[in-house]
C-alpha atoms as a PDB file:
ATOM      1  CA  MET A   1      14.435  -4.626  -0.281  1.00  0.00           C
ATOM      2  CA  ASN A   2      15.140  -5.093  -3.984  1.00  0.00           C
ATOM      3  CA  LYS A   3      13.147  -8.338  -4.048  1.00  0.00           C
ATOM      4  CA  LYS A   4      10.083  -6.639  -2.535  1.00  0.00           C
ATOM      5  CA  ILE A   5      10.294  -3.796  -5.072  1.00  0.00           C
ATOM      6  CA  THR A   6      10.299  -6.309  -7.950  1.00  0.00           C
ATOM      7  CA  ILE A   7       7.649  -8.640  -6.484  1.00  0.00           C
ATOM      8  CA  ILE A   8       4.985  -6.006  -5.686  1.00  0.00           C
ATOM      9  CA  PRO A   9       4.489  -4.733  -9.296  1.00  0.00           C
ATOM     10  CA  ILE A  10       4.299  -8.328 -10.575  1.00  0.00           C
ATOM     11  CA  VAL A  11       1.555  -9.155  -8.046  1.00  0.00           C
ATOM     12  CA  VAL A  12      -0.353  -5.988  -8.984  1.00  0.00           C
ATOM     13  CA  ILE A  13      -0.107  -6.797 -12.718  1.00  0.00           C
ATOM     14  CA  ILE A  14      -1.310 -10.376 -12.125  1.00  0.00           C
ATOM     15  CA  ALA A  15      -4.241  -9.075 -10.050  1.00  0.00           C
ATOM     16  CA  ILE A  16      -5.231  -6.577 -12.783  1.00  0.00           C
ATOM     17  CA  ILE A  17      -4.972  -9.233 -15.520  1.00  0.00           C
ATOM     18  CA  GLY A  18      -7.057 -11.633 -13.408  1.00  0.00           C
ATOM     19  CA  ALA A  19      -9.767  -9.029 -12.805  1.00  0.00           C
ATOM     20  CA  VAL A  20      -9.883  -8.019 -16.486  1.00  0.00           C
ATOM     21  CA  SER A  21     -10.017 -11.630 -17.701  1.00  0.00           C
ATOM     22  CA  GLN A  22     -12.762 -12.425 -15.169  1.00  0.00           C
ATOM     23  CA  MET A  23     -14.800  -9.442 -16.404  1.00  0.00           C
ATOM     24  CA  GLY A  24     -14.285 -10.570 -20.015  1.00  0.00           C
ATOM     25  CA  VAL A  25     -15.471 -14.080 -19.176  1.00  0.00           C
ATOM     26  CA  GLU A  26     -18.594 -12.708 -17.470  1.00  0.00           C
ATOM     27  CA  GLU A  27     -19.364 -10.485 -20.473  1.00  0.00           C
ATOM     28  CA  THR A  28     -18.964 -13.365 -22.946  1.00  0.00           C
ATOM     29  CA  LEU A  29     -21.228 -15.568 -20.805  1.00  0.00           C
ATOM     30  CA  LYS A  30     -23.899 -12.835 -20.713  1.00  0.00           C
ATOM     31  CA  GLN A  31     -23.697 -12.388 -24.497  1.00  0.00           C
ATOM     32  CA  LYS A  32     -24.067 -16.157 -25.024  1.00  0.00           C
ATOM     33  CA  LEU A  33     -27.066 -16.263 -22.677  1.00  0.00           C
ATOM     34  CA  LEU A  34     -28.708 -13.312 -24.453  1.00  0.00           C
ATOM     35  CA  LYS A  35     -28.229 -15.021 -27.821  1.00  0.00           C
END
């Protein structure tokens, strides 16, 4: 049980970081294309 409690938040954090970084990459690509 303790392992699951520690693993779930880590997975959620990784997913959030991945989504945010992906959005940042898309925004930078759009800015480069506009320029």
